[in-house]
Amino acid sequence: MMYPVDKSNMIALAGLNLALSYENAAVARLENRVSETIDWELKERLDLHLARQENTRNA
């Protein structure tokens, strides 16, 4: 099904795309921090935060 393309739809899609790119960047940063962390307590907390982020993305 095709939807009409108008300015308000394009602005909404651009905003959603921007939000998704921010979220993807945040997850990438978390993954990087987890892999570089040597403190096991901090690593567990970052892993938990990363799991929450991924659950939010999949919801």
N, C-alpha and C. Protein backbone atom coordinates (compact mmCIF):
# COMPACT_ATOMS: atom_id res chain seq x y z
N MET A 1 0.85 -1.17 0.00
CA MET A 1 0.00 0.00 0.00
C MET A 1 0.90 1.24 0.00
N MET A 2 0.63 2.15 -0.86
CA MET A 2 1.40 3.39 -0.95
C MET A 2 0.64 4.50 -0.25
N TYR A 3 1.39 5.30 0.48
CA TYR A 3 0.81 6.45 1.17
C TYR A 3 1.23 7.72 0.44
N PRO A 4 0.36 8.71 0.46
CA PRO A 4 0.72 9.96 -0.20
C PRO A 4 1.93 10.60 0.49
N VAL A 5 2.80 11.17 -0.29
CA VAL A 5 3.99 11.82 0.24
C VAL A 5 3.71 13.31 0.30
N ASP A 6 3.70 13.83 1.51
CA ASP A 6 3.56 15.27 1.66
C ASP A 6 4.64 15.75 2.61
N LYS A 7 4.71 17.04 2.77
CA LYS A 7 5.79 17.64 3.56
C LYS A 7 5.77 17.16 5.01
N SER A 8 4.60 17.07 5.62
CA SER A 8 4.53 16.66 7.02
C SER A 8 4.98 15.20 7.19
N ASN A 9 4.63 14.33 6.24
CA ASN A 9 5.10 12.94 6.30
C ASN A 9 6.61 12.86 6.16
N MET A 10 7.16 13.65 5.26
CA MET A 10 8.61 13.64 5.05
C MET A 10 9.34 14.14 6.30
N ILE A 11 8.80 15.17 6.95
CA ILE A 11 9.42 15.69 8.18
C ILE A 11 9.35 14.65 9.28
N ALA A 12 8.22 13.98 9.41
CA ALA A 12 8.07 12.94 10.43
C ALA A 12 9.05 11.80 10.18
N LEU A 13 9.18 11.37 8.94
CA LEU A 13 10.11 10.30 8.61
C LEU A 13 11.55 10.71 8.86
N ALA A 14 11.89 11.93 8.55
CA ALA A 14 13.25 12.42 8.81
C ALA A 14 13.53 12.43 10.31
N GLY A 15 12.56 12.85 11.11
CA GLY A 15 12.73 12.85 12.56
C GLY A 15 12.90 11.45 13.12
N LEU A 16 12.10 10.50 12.63
CA LEU A 16 12.23 9.11 13.08
C LEU A 16 13.58 8.52 12.66
N ASN A 17 14.01 8.85 11.47
CA ASN A 17 15.31 8.37 11.00
C ASN A 17 16.44 8.92 11.85
N LEU A 18 16.35 10.18 12.24
CA LEU A 18 17.36 10.79 13.09
C LEU A 18 17.37 10.12 14.47
N ALA A 19 16.21 9.89 15.04
CA ALA A 19 16.12 9.23 16.34
C ALA A 19 16.73 7.83 16.29
N LEU A 20 16.46 7.11 15.22
CA LEU A 20 17.02 5.76 15.06
C LEU A 20 18.54 5.81 14.92
N SER A 21 19.06 6.79 14.23
CA SER A 21 20.51 6.90 14.08
C SER A 21 21.17 7.22 15.41
N TYR A 22 20.54 8.06 16.24
CA TYR A 22 21.05 8.34 17.59
C TYR A 22 21.08 7.07 18.42
N GLU A 23 20.01 6.30 18.34
CA GLU A 23 19.92 5.07 19.12
C GLU A 23 20.97 4.07 18.68
N ASN A 24 21.17 3.94 17.38
CA ASN A 24 22.19 3.02 16.87
C ASN A 24 23.58 3.44 17.32
N ALA A 25 23.85 4.74 17.31
CA ALA A 25 25.15 5.25 17.76
C ALA A 25 25.35 4.98 19.25
N ALA A 26 24.30 5.14 20.03
CA ALA A 26 24.39 4.89 21.48
C ALA A 26 24.70 3.42 21.76
N VAL A 27 24.07 2.53 21.04
CA VAL A 27 24.32 1.10 21.22
C VAL A 27 25.76 0.77 20.81
N ALA A 28 26.22 1.35 19.73
CA ALA A 28 27.60 1.11 19.28
C ALA A 28 28.60 1.59 20.34
N ARG A 29 28.34 2.75 20.92
CA ARG A 29 29.23 3.27 21.97
C ARG A 29 29.22 2.35 23.20
N LEU A 30 28.04 1.88 23.59
CA LEU A 30 27.95 0.97 24.73
C LEU A 30 28.71 -0.32 24.46
N GLU A 31 28.55 -0.87 23.28
CA GLU A 31 29.27 -2.11 22.92
C GLU A 31 30.77 -1.88 22.99
N ASN A 32 31.21 -0.72 22.53
CA ASN A 32 32.63 -0.39 22.57
C ASN A 32 33.12 -0.27 24.01
N ARG A 33 32.35 0.41 24.85
CA ARG A 33 32.73 0.57 26.26
C ARG A 33 32.80 -0.76 26.98
N VAL A 34 31.82 -1.63 26.70
CA VAL A 34 31.82 -2.95 27.34
C VAL A 34 33.07 -3.72 26.94
N SER A 35 33.42 -3.68 25.68
CA SER A 35 34.59 -4.44 25.22
C SER A 35 35.90 -3.88 25.76
N GLU A 36 35.95 -2.59 26.06
CA GLU A 36 37.19 -1.97 26.54
C GLU A 36 37.30 -1.91 28.07
N THR A 37 36.23 -2.21 28.77
CA THR A 37 36.22 -2.09 30.23
C THR A 37 36.92 -3.28 30.87
N ILE A 38 37.80 -2.99 31.84
CA ILE A 38 38.49 -4.07 32.55
C ILE A 38 37.90 -4.28 33.95
N ASP A 39 37.15 -3.32 34.44
CA ASP A 39 36.50 -3.43 35.75
C ASP A 39 35.24 -4.29 35.59
N TRP A 40 35.21 -5.45 36.26
CA TRP A 40 34.11 -6.39 36.07
C TRP A 40 32.77 -5.85 36.57
N GLU A 41 32.79 -5.07 37.66
CA GLU A 41 31.54 -4.48 38.15
C GLU A 41 30.96 -3.52 37.13
N LEU A 42 31.82 -2.66 36.62
CA LEU A 42 31.37 -1.70 35.61
C LEU A 42 30.93 -2.42 34.34
N LYS A 43 31.66 -3.46 33.97
CA LYS A 43 31.30 -4.22 32.78
C LYS A 43 29.90 -4.83 32.92
N GLU A 44 29.59 -5.35 34.11
CA GLU A 44 28.26 -5.93 34.34
C GLU A 44 27.17 -4.86 34.22
N ARG A 45 27.44 -3.68 34.80
CA ARG A 45 26.46 -2.59 34.72
C ARG A 45 26.27 -2.13 33.27
N LEU A 46 27.35 -2.03 32.52
CA LEU A 46 27.24 -1.64 31.12
C LEU A 46 26.51 -2.71 30.31
N ASP A 47 26.80 -3.98 30.60
CA ASP A 47 26.09 -5.07 29.92
C ASP A 47 24.59 -5.00 30.18
N LEU A 48 24.22 -4.71 31.42
CA LEU A 48 22.80 -4.59 31.77
C LEU A 48 22.17 -3.43 31.01
N HIS A 49 22.87 -2.31 30.96
CA HIS A 49 22.35 -1.15 30.24
C HIS A 49 22.22 -1.45 28.75
N LEU A 50 23.20 -2.14 28.19
CA LEU A 50 23.16 -2.52 26.78
C LEU A 50 21.98 -3.46 26.52
N ALA A 51 21.75 -4.41 27.41
CA ALA A 51 20.62 -5.34 27.24
C ALA A 51 19.30 -4.58 27.27
N ARG A 52 19.19 -3.60 28.16
CA ARG A 52 17.97 -2.79 28.22
C ARG A 52 17.78 -2.01 26.92
N GLN A 53 18.86 -1.45 26.41
CA GLN A 53 18.77 -0.70 25.15
C GLN A 53 18.30 -1.61 24.02
N GLU A 54 18.87 -2.80 23.96
CA GLU A 54 18.50 -3.73 22.89
C GLU A 54 17.06 -4.20 23.04
N ASN A 55 16.60 -4.40 24.28
CA ASN A 55 15.20 -4.78 24.50
C ASN A 55 14.27 -3.67 24.06
N THR A 56 14.65 -2.43 24.32
CA THR A 56 13.85 -1.28 23.90
C THR A 56 13.78 -1.22 22.38
N ARG A 57 14.89 -1.48 21.72
CA ARG A 57 14.92 -1.45 20.26
C ARG A 57 14.03 -2.53 19.65
N ASN A 58 13.98 -3.69 20.31
CA ASN A 58 13.22 -4.81 19.77
C ASN A 58 11.75 -4.78 20.15
N ALA A 59 11.37 -3.84 21.02
CA ALA A 59 9.97 -3.77 21.45
C ALA A 59 9.10 -3.12 20.41
